[in-house]
C-alpha atoms as a PDB file:
ATOM      1  CA  MET A   1     204.883  27.357 -77.207  1.00  0.00           C
ATOM      2  CA  LYS A   2     205.236  25.093 -80.178  1.00  0.00           C
ATOM      3  CA  LYS A   3     205.154  26.816 -83.543  1.00  0.00           C
ATOM      4  CA  LYS A   4     203.227  25.301 -86.411  1.00  0.00           C
ATOM      5  CA  LYS A   5     205.144  24.654 -89.489  1.00  0.00           C
ATOM      6  CA  LEU A   6     203.574  26.076 -92.620  1.00  0.00           C
ATOM      7  CA  LEU A   7     203.928  24.252 -95.886  1.00  0.00           C
ATOM      8  CA  TYR A   8     204.565  25.836 -99.258  1.00  0.00           C
ATOM      9  CA  SER A   9     201.352  24.509-100.634  1.00  0.00           C
ATOM     10  CA  GLU A  10     199.362  26.382 -98.056  1.00  0.00           C
ATOM     11  CA  LEU A  11     200.883  29.687 -99.118  1.00  0.00           C
ATOM     12  CA  ALA A  12     199.984  29.218-102.832  1.00  0.00           C
ATOM     13  CA  PRO A  13     196.922  31.011-104.061  1.00  0.00           C
ATOM     14  CA  SER A  14     193.954  28.797-103.979  1.00  0.00           C
ATOM     15  CA  ALA A  15     191.886  28.003-107.039  1.00  0.00           C
ATOM     16  CA  PRO A  16     188.603  29.749-107.348  1.00  0.00           C
ATOM     17  CA  THR A  17     185.842  27.894-105.686  1.00  0.00           C
ATOM     18  CA  PRO A  18     183.030  27.024-108.016  1.00  0.00           C
ATOM     19  CA  LYS A  19     179.564  28.348-107.156  1.00  0.00           C
ATOM     20  CA  ALA A  20     177.355  25.971-105.431  1.00  0.00           C
ATOM     21  CA  SER A  21     174.626  24.649-107.646  1.00  0.00           C
ATOM     22  CA  ALA A  22     171.247  23.445-106.535  1.00  0.00           C
ATOM     23  CA  PRO A  23     171.358  19.903-105.393  1.00  0.00           C
ATOM     24  CA  ALA A  24     170.065  17.548-108.011  1.00  0.00           C
ATOM     25  CA  ALA A  25     166.918  15.676-107.284  1.00  0.00           C
ATOM     26  CA  PRO A  26     167.544  12.163-106.352  1.00  0.00           C
ATOM     27  CA  VAL A  27     167.012   9.791-109.175  1.00  0.00           C
ATOM     28  CA  PRO A  28     164.706   7.021-108.168  1.00  0.00           C
ATOM     29  CA  ALA A  29     165.905   3.598-108.533  1.00  0.00           C
ATOM     30  CA  ALA A  30     164.795   1.732-111.628  1.00  0.00           C
ATOM     31  CA  SER A  31     163.514  -1.159-109.702  1.00  0.00           C
ATOM     32  CA  ALA A  32     161.209   0.823-107.270  1.00  0.00           C
ATOM     33  CA  PRO A  33     157.904   2.098-108.821  1.00  0.00           C
ATOM     34  CA  ALA A  34     157.016   5.760-108.339  1.00  0.00           C
ATOM     35  CA  ALA A  35     154.475   6.414-105.569  1.00  0.00           C
ATOM     36  CA  PRO A  36     151.289   8.227-106.740  1.00  0.00           C
ATOM     37  CA  ALA A  37     150.928  11.829-105.634  1.00  0.00           C
ATOM     38  CA  PRO A  38     148.214  12.383-102.986  1.00  0.00           C
ATOM     39  CA  ARG A  39     144.903  13.810-104.354  1.00  0.00           C
ATOM     40  CA  ASN A  40     142.641  16.328-102.710  1.00  0.00           C
ATOM     41  CA  SER A  41     139.384  14.491-101.962  1.00  0.00           C
ATOM     42  CA  ALA A  42     137.244  17.519-100.813  1.00  0.00           C
ATOM     43  CA  PRO A  43     135.726  18.402-104.245  1.00  0.00           C
ATOM     44  CA  VAL A  44     134.884  14.767-104.841  1.00  0.00           C
ATOM     45  CA  ASP A  45     133.053  14.468-101.540  1.00  0.00           C
ATOM     46  CA  LEU A  46     131.137  17.666-102.248  1.00  0.00           C
ATOM     47  CA  ALA A  47     130.145  16.428-105.720  1.00  0.00           C
ATOM     48  CA  ARG A  48     128.967  13.153-104.251  1.00  0.00           C
ATOM     49  CA  ALA A  49     126.881  14.942-101.608  1.00  0.00           C
ATOM     50  CA  LEU A  50     125.202  17.132-104.248  1.00  0.00           C
ATOM     51  CA  ALA A  51     124.463  14.115-106.436  1.00  0.00           C
ATOM     52  CA  ALA A  52     122.889  12.297-103.494  1.00  0.00           C
ATOM     53  CA  ALA A  53     120.719  15.322-102.642  1.00  0.00           C
ATOM     54  CA  ARG A  54     119.481  15.594-106.265  1.00  0.00           C
ATOM     55  CA  ALA A  55     118.708  11.895-106.348  1.00  0.00           C
ATOM     56  CA  ALA A  56     116.747  12.169-103.100  1.00  0.00           C
ATOM     57  CA  GLU A  57     114.676  15.058-104.495  1.00  0.00           C
ATOM     58  CA  ALA A  58     113.988  13.242-107.792  1.00  0.00           C
ATOM     59  CA  ALA A  59     112.947   9.991-106.105  1.00  0.00           C
ATOM     60  CA  PRO A  60     109.199   9.688-105.266  1.00  0.00           C
ATOM     61  CA  ALA A  61     108.361  10.212-101.676  1.00  0.00           C
ATOM     62  CA  ALA A  62     108.006   6.973 -99.839  1.00  0.00           C
ATOM     63  CA  PRO A  63     104.547   6.371 -98.397  1.00  0.00           C
ATOM     64  CA  ARG A  64     104.326   7.284 -94.793  1.00  0.00           C
ATOM     65  CA  ALA A  65     103.265   4.686 -92.412  1.00  0.00           C
ATOM     66  CA  SER A  66      99.678   5.297 -91.460  1.00  0.00           C
ATOM     67  CA  VAL A  67      98.970   5.732 -87.798  1.00  0.00           C
ATOM     68  CA  PRO A  68      95.715   4.217 -86.628  1.00  0.00           C
ATOM     69  CA  VAL A  69      93.287   6.990 -85.669  1.00  0.00           C
ATOM     70  CA  ARG A  70      91.538   6.509 -82.435  1.00  0.00           C
ATOM     71  CA  SER A  71      87.792   6.867 -82.429  1.00  0.00           C
ATOM     72  CA  VAL A  72      86.659  10.313 -81.265  1.00  0.00           C
ATOM     73  CA  VAL A  73      84.320  10.146 -78.329  1.00  0.00           C
ATOM     74  CA  PRO A  74      82.002  13.196 -78.115  1.00  0.00           C
ATOM     75  CA  VAL A  75      82.580  15.164 -74.973  1.00  0.00           C
ATOM     76  CA  ALA A  76      79.507  16.574 -73.286  1.00  0.00           C
ATOM     77  CA  PRO A  77      79.671  20.314 -72.583  1.00  0.00           C
ATOM     78  CA  VAL A  78      80.471  21.267 -69.062  1.00  0.00           C
ATOM     79  CA  VAL A  79      77.412  22.663 -67.366  1.00  0.00           C
ATOM     80  CA  PRO A  80      78.171  25.055 -64.505  1.00  0.00           C
ATOM     81  CA  VAL A  81      76.755  23.903 -61.242  1.00  0.00           C
ATOM     82  CA  VAL A  82      74.413  26.516 -59.831  1.00  0.00           C
ATOM     83  CA  PRO A  83      73.938  26.274 -56.108  1.00  0.00           C
ATOM     84  CA  VAL A  84      70.347  25.706 -55.173  1.00  0.00           C
ATOM     85  CA  VAL A  85      69.067  28.468 -52.915  1.00  0.00           C
ATOM     86  CA  PRO A  86      66.327  27.341 -50.604  1.00  0.00           C
ATOM     87  CA  ALA A  87      63.019  28.980 -51.342  1.00  0.00           C
ATOM     88  CA  VAL A  88      62.176  31.840 -49.029  1.00  0.00           C
ATOM     89  CA  PRO A  89      58.510  32.188 -48.184  1.00  0.00           C
ATOM     90  CA  VAL A  90      57.030  35.331 -49.677  1.00  0.00           C
ATOM     91  CA  ILE A  91      55.638  37.570 -47.005  1.00  0.00           C
ATOM     92  CA  PRO A  92      52.998  39.990 -48.288  1.00  0.00           C
ATOM     93  CA  LEU A  93      54.044  43.589 -47.880  1.00  0.00           C
ATOM     94  CA  ILE A  94      51.625  45.514 -45.758  1.00  0.00           C
ATOM     95  CA  VAL A  95      51.624  49.156 -46.796  1.00  0.00           C
ATOM     96  CA  PRO A  96      50.696  51.420 -43.937  1.00  0.00           C
ATOM     97  CA  GLU A  97      47.702  53.600 -44.538  1.00  0.00           C
ATOM     98  CA  THR A  98      48.704  57.104 -45.522  1.00  0.00           C
ATOM     99  CA  ALA A  99      46.778  60.338 -45.202  1.00  0.00           C
ATOM    100  CA  GLY A 100      46.160  60.430 -48.961  1.00  0.00           C
ATOM    101  CA  SER A 101      44.437  57.017 -48.904  1.00  0.00           C
ATOM    102  CA  ARG A 102      41.674  58.274 -46.582  1.00  0.00           C
ATOM    103  CA  SER A 103      38.987  60.809 -47.321  1.00  0.00           C
ATOM    104  CA  LEU A 104      39.022  64.206 -45.729  1.00  0.00           C
ATOM    105  CA  ARG A 105      35.955  63.344 -43.677  1.00  0.00           C
ATOM    106  CA  GLU A 106      37.657  60.256 -42.222  1.00  0.00           C
ATOM    107  CA  ARG A 107      40.751  62.248 -41.336  1.00  0.00           C
ATOM    108  CA  ALA A 108      38.654  64.934 -39.696  1.00  0.00           C
ATOM    109  CA  ARG A 109      36.849  62.316 -37.638  1.00  0.00           C
ATOM    110  CA  ALA A 110      40.172  60.770 -36.562  1.00  0.00           C
ATOM    111  CA  ARG A 111      41.519  64.204 -35.576  1.00  0.00           C
ATOM    112  CA  SER A 112      45.021  63.215 -36.673  1.00  0.00           C
ATOM    113  CA  GLY A 113      47.542  64.570 -39.152  1.00  0.00           C
ATOM    114  CA  ARG A 114      48.033  67.901 -40.844  1.00  0.00           C
ATOM    115  CA  LEU A 115      46.235  69.388 -43.837  1.00  0.00           C
ATOM    116  CA  GLU A 116      47.264  72.058 -46.316  1.00  0.00           C
ATOM    117  CA  ILE A 117      44.329  74.441 -46.611  1.00  0.00           C
ATOM    118  CA  LEU A 118      43.278  77.473 -48.642  1.00  0.00           C
ATOM    119  CA  LEU A 119      41.636  80.214 -46.594  1.00  0.00           C
ATOM    120  CA  VAL A 120      38.663  81.988 -48.220  1.00  0.00           C
ATOM    121  CA  ARG A 121      35.955  84.379 -47.078  1.00  0.00           C
ATOM    122  CA  ILE A 122      32.295  83.940 -47.957  1.00  0.00           C
ATOM    123  CA  GLY A 123      30.035  86.669 -46.564  1.00  0.00           C
ATOM    124  CA  ASP A 124      31.238  87.402 -43.056  1.00  0.00           C
ATOM    125  CA  GLU A 125      32.644  83.924 -42.388  1.00  0.00           C
ATOM    126  CA  ARG A 126      36.055  82.381 -43.058  1.00  0.00           C
ATOM    127  CA  PHE A 127      36.379  78.853 -44.401  1.00  0.00           C
ATOM    128  CA  ALA A 128      39.173  76.357 -44.956  1.00  0.00           C
ATOM    129  CA  ILE A 129      39.216  74.426 -48.248  1.00  0.00           C
ATOM    130  CA  ASP A 130      41.438  71.389 -48.876  1.00  0.00           C
ATOM    131  CA  LEU A 131      44.215  72.800 -51.059  1.00  0.00           C
ATOM    132  CA  ALA A 132      44.704  69.519 -52.926  1.00  0.00           C
ATOM    133  CA  ALA A 133      41.100  69.665 -54.188  1.00  0.00           C
ATOM    134  CA  VAL A 134      41.461  73.125 -55.778  1.00  0.00           C
ATOM    135  CA  GLU A 135      42.873  73.339 -59.304  1.00  0.00           C
ATOM    136  CA  VAL A 136      43.279  77.126 -59.373  1.00  0.00           C
ATOM    137  CA  ALA A 137      41.890  80.306 -57.829  1.00  0.00           C
ATOM    138  CA  ILE A 138      41.022  83.128 -60.265  1.00  0.00           C
ATOM    139  CA  ASP A 139      39.409  86.525 -60.422  1.00  0.00           C
ATOM    140  CA  ILE A 140      36.012  85.815 -61.843  1.00  0.00           C
ATOM    141  CA  SER A 141      35.320  86.896 -65.413  1.00  0.00           C
ATOM    142  CA  PRO A 142      31.908  88.028 -66.740  1.00  0.00           C
ATOM    143  CA  VAL A 143      29.299  85.344 -66.129  1.00  0.00           C
ATOM    144  CA  HIS A 144      26.973  84.386 -68.983  1.00  0.00           C
ATOM    145  CA  TYR A 145      23.417  83.468 -68.132  1.00  0.00           C
ATOM    146  CA  VAL A 146      22.119  80.058 -69.197  1.00  0.00           C
ATOM    147  CA  PRO A 147      18.369  79.389 -69.501  1.00  0.00           C
ATOM    148  CA  GLU A 148      16.758  76.965 -67.049  1.00  0.00           C
ATOM    149  CA  MET A 149      19.745  76.886 -64.706  1.00  0.00           C
ATOM    150  CA  PRO A 150      19.603  75.173 -61.295  1.00  0.00           C
ATOM    151  CA  PRO A 151      18.964  77.588 -58.376  1.00  0.00           C
ATOM    152  CA  ALA A 152      22.611  77.611 -57.196  1.00  0.00           C
ATOM    153  CA  MET A 153      24.031  78.065 -60.693  1.00  0.00           C
ATOM    154  CA  LEU A 154      24.991  81.610 -61.693  1.00  0.00           C
ATOM    155  CA  GLY A 155      25.954  80.905 -65.331  1.00  0.00           C
ATOM    156  CA  VAL A 156      29.085  79.950 -67.230  1.00  0.00           C
ATOM    157  CA  ILE A 157      32.513  81.494 -67.668  1.00  0.00           C
ATOM    158  CA  THR A 158      35.443  80.637 -69.932  1.00  0.00           C
ATOM    159  CA  VAL A 159      38.426  79.069 -68.148  1.00  0.00           C
ATOM    160  CA  ARG A 160      41.411  78.169 -70.332  1.00  0.00           C
ATOM    161  CA  GLY A 161      39.250  78.039 -73.400  1.00  0.00           C
ATOM    162  CA  THR A 162      36.585  75.823 -71.818  1.00  0.00           C
ATOM    163  CA  LEU A 163      33.076  76.754 -70.669  1.00  0.00           C
ATOM    164  CA  THR A 164      32.861  76.270 -66.900  1.00  0.00           C
ATOM    165  CA  SER A 165      29.700  76.278 -64.805  1.00  0.00           C
ATOM    166  CA  VAL A 166      29.696  78.756 -61.912  1.00  0.00           C
ATOM    167  CA  TYR A 167      27.860  78.069 -58.640  1.00  0.00           C
ATOM    168  CA  SER A 168      27.104  80.102 -55.526  1.00  0.00           C
ATOM    169  CA  PRO A 169      27.721  78.399 -52.138  1.00  0.00           C
ATOM    170  CA  ALA A 170      25.389  80.828 -50.317  1.00  0.00           C
ATOM    171  CA  ALA A 171      22.358  78.533 -50.116  1.00  0.00           C
ATOM    172  CA  ALA A 172      24.428  75.446 -49.162  1.00  0.00           C
ATOM    173  CA  LEU A 173      26.217  77.309 -46.352  1.00  0.00           C
ATOM    174  CA  GLY A 174      23.283  79.496 -45.281  1.00  0.00           C
ATOM    175  CA  LEU A 175      25.132  82.735 -46.078  1.00  0.00           C
ATOM    176  CA  SER A 176      24.964  85.643 -48.509  1.00  0.00           C
ATOM    177  CA  LEU A 177      27.752  86.667 -50.874  1.00  0.00           C
ATOM    178  CA  HIS A 178      28.937  90.261 -50.748  1.00  0.00           C
ATOM    179  CA  ASP A 179      30.629  90.907 -54.089  1.00  0.00           C
ATOM    180  CA  GLY A 180      31.711  87.469 -55.341  1.00  0.00           C
ATOM    181  CA  THR A 181      34.821  88.689 -57.192  1.00  0.00           C
ATOM    182  CA  SER A 182      36.838  85.446 -56.960  1.00  0.00           C
ATOM    183  CA  ALA A 183      36.226  81.835 -57.886  1.00  0.00           C
ATOM    184  CA  LEU A 184      37.734  78.466 -56.979  1.00  0.00           C
ATOM    185  CA  ILE A 185      38.069  76.050 -59.933  1.00  0.00           C
ATOM    186  CA  PHE A 186      37.545  72.345 -59.239  1.00  0.00           C
ATOM    187  CA  ARG A 187      38.003  69.497 -61.685  1.00  0.00           C
ATOM    188  CA  ARG A 188      35.608  66.562 -61.729  1.00  0.00           C
ATOM    189  CA  GLY A 189      36.629  64.020 -64.349  1.00  0.00           C
ATOM    190  CA  ARG A 190      36.881  65.810 -67.704  1.00  0.00           C
ATOM    191  CA  SER A 191      34.801  68.818 -66.660  1.00  0.00           C
ATOM    192  CA  ARG A 192      35.451  71.826 -64.474  1.00  0.00           C
ATOM    193  CA  LEU A 193      33.173  73.798 -62.203  1.00  0.00           C
ATOM    194  CA  ALA A 194      33.654  76.980 -60.192  1.00  0.00           C
ATOM    195  CA  ILE A 195      32.504  78.117 -56.743  1.00  0.00           C
ATOM    196  CA  VAL A 196      32.231  81.864 -56.203  1.00  0.00           C
ATOM    197  CA  VAL A 197      33.822  83.346 -53.056  1.00  0.00           C
ATOM    198  CA  ASP A 198      34.238  86.898 -51.855  1.00  0.00           C
ATOM    199  CA  GLU A 199      37.974  86.709 -51.154  1.00  0.00           C
ATOM    200  CA  VAL A 200      40.889  84.293 -51.377  1.00  0.00           C
ATOM    201  CA  ASP A 201      43.030  84.898 -48.293  1.00  0.00           C
ATOM    202  CA  ASP A 202      46.067  82.662 -47.806  1.00  0.00           C
ATOM    203  CA  VAL A 203      47.512  79.136 -47.819  1.00  0.00           C
ATOM    204  CA  THR A 204      48.425  77.577 -44.488  1.00  0.00           C
ATOM    205  CA  SER A 205      48.655  74.266 -42.631  1.00  0.00           C
ATOM    206  CA  LEU A 206      45.981  72.990 -40.239  1.00  0.00           C
ATOM    207  CA  ASP A 207      46.586  70.581 -37.349  1.00  0.00           C
ATOM    208  CA  LEU A 208      43.526  68.321 -37.397  1.00  0.00           C
ATOM    209  CA  SER A 209      43.966  67.494 -33.714  1.00  0.00           C
ATOM    210  CA  LEU A 210      42.775  71.051 -32.958  1.00  0.00           C
ATOM    211  CA  LEU A 211      39.545  70.536 -34.893  1.00  0.00           C
ATOM    212  CA  ARG A 212      36.293  70.739 -32.897  1.00  0.00           C
ATOM    213  CA  ASP A 213      32.700  70.016 -33.811  1.00  0.00           C
ATOM    214  CA  ALA A 214      30.831  72.992 -35.224  1.00  0.00           C
ATOM    215  CA  PRO A 215      28.182  74.279 -32.832  1.00  0.00           C
ATOM    216  CA  GLY A 216      24.640  73.486 -33.938  1.00  0.00           C
ATOM    217  CA  LEU A 217      25.820  71.360 -36.915  1.00  0.00           C
ATOM    218  CA  ASP A 218      26.150  67.643 -37.455  1.00  0.00           C
ATOM    219  CA  ALA A 219      29.798  67.330 -38.403  1.00  0.00           C
ATOM    220  CA  GLY A 220      29.337  63.692 -39.353  1.00  0.00           C
ATOM    221  CA  ASP A 221      27.146  64.298 -42.406  1.00  0.00           C
ATOM    222  CA  GLY A 222      27.183  68.041 -43.096  1.00  0.00           C
ATOM    223  CA  ILE A 223      29.306  70.245 -45.334  1.00  0.00           C
ATOM    224  CA  VAL A 224      31.286  71.688 -42.404  1.00  0.00           C
ATOM    225  CA  LEU A 225      33.536  69.043 -40.857  1.00  0.00           C
ATOM    226  CA  GLY A 226      34.555  71.079 -37.828  1.00  0.00           C
ATOM    227  CA  VAL A 227      35.876  74.401 -36.620  1.00  0.00           C
ATOM    228  CA  VAL A 228      39.155  75.617 -35.204  1.00  0.00           C
ATOM    229  CA  ARG A 229      39.988  78.899 -33.508  1.00  0.00           C
ATOM    230  CA  GLN A 230      42.529  81.002 -35.385  1.00  0.00           C
ATOM    231  CA  HIS A 231      43.474  84.584 -34.479  1.00  0.00           C
ATOM    232  CA  ASP A 232      40.423  85.022 -32.225  1.00  0.00           C
ATOM    233  CA  ALA A 233      38.086  83.877 -34.984  1.00  0.00           C
ATOM    234  CA  LEU A 234      36.456  80.596 -35.909  1.00  0.00           C
ATOM    235  CA  LEU A 235      37.630  78.880 -39.051  1.00  0.00           C
ATOM    236  CA  ALA A 236      35.303  76.259 -40.538  1.00  0.00           C
ATOM    237  CA  LEU A 237      36.729  73.269 -42.439  1.00  0.00           C
ATOM    238  CA  VAL A 238      34.606  72.454 -45.503  1.00  0.00           C
ATOM    239  CA  ASP A 239      34.140  69.092 -47.192  1.00  0.00           C
ATOM    240  CA  THR A 240      34.535  70.138 -50.851  1.00  0.00           C
ATOM    241  CA  ASP A 241      32.828  67.024 -52.222  1.00  0.00           C
ATOM    242  CA  ALA A 242      29.740  67.668 -50.103  1.00  0.00           C
ATOM    243  CA  LEU A 243      29.730  71.371 -51.049  1.00  0.00           C
ATOM    244  CA  LEU A 244      29.932  70.675 -54.793  1.00  0.00           C
ATOM    245  CA  ALA A 245      27.192  68.042 -54.550  1.00  0.00           C
ATOM    246  CA  ALA A 246      24.931  70.476 -52.703  1.00  0.00           C
ATOM    247  CA  CYS A 247      25.498  73.226 -55.287  1.00  0.00           C
ATOM    248  CA  GLN A 248      24.733  70.909 -58.218  1.00  0.00           C
ATOM    249  CA  ALA A 249      21.629  69.394 -56.644  1.00  0.00           C
ATOM    250  CA  VAL A 250      18.439  70.059 -58.562  1.00  0.00           C
ATOM    251  CA  PRO A 251      15.293  70.226 -56.413  1.00  0.00           C
ATOM    252  CA  LEU A 252      12.519  67.856 -57.448  1.00  0.00           C
ATOM    253  CA  LEU A 253       9.492  69.547 -58.941  1.00  0.00           C
ATOM    254  CA  GLU A 254       6.338  69.015 -56.948  1.00  0.00           C
ATOM    255  CA  THR A 255       3.494  67.525 -58.923  1.00  0.00           C
ATOM    256  CA  ALA A 256      -0.202  67.864 -58.068  1.00  0.00           C
END
């Protein structure tokens, strides 16, 4: 190994090393002009944009190009189309004849249907009266005599605040009353009239097919329309219209 030879100058203490100073800025050459420093252009652009916006607002609005308006053609309203239904011929409705549309006499002659009846007793006989013709059955009140009354008229009574004429059916039926404690009230138009009976029995239904002609009587024109056997006794069906007409009939006075 080769040893390095040290010199005397290397062993001497070295001079203090001066502190390093900041490097000096390079001095530009006299001949070359200094370059301008770069400027920030953002504020300038913003100022220009604001100035342009203010100028646009201050300037009068330019007239808009007019667009030719097309002529308006009136549109007719849409009418819904209704399908035409062919006309159907009108057929007159034929209403079948009911029991109420015929008189009691016609129904009795036909011997058909049923009838609601009121059973009464006059003398020793029992009679059937059409229930629909009777307004009410009452116990008879005191009868007041009226001068120059018809033969079948007994007088007048007060029924529901109205004077009602009272008649006896004895002469029309060929019978005699026993006590005459009850009366059947009938309405004819605006007036009422009463027929005296001995007893009001019951309400029942009568089959007109069981009706038979009354013996010795003309059922076609008389007051009794027919008879029917009930509980071993004969029950006579009375035409109330004919009975009331017979009671109200006034005999003609014979003149010399």
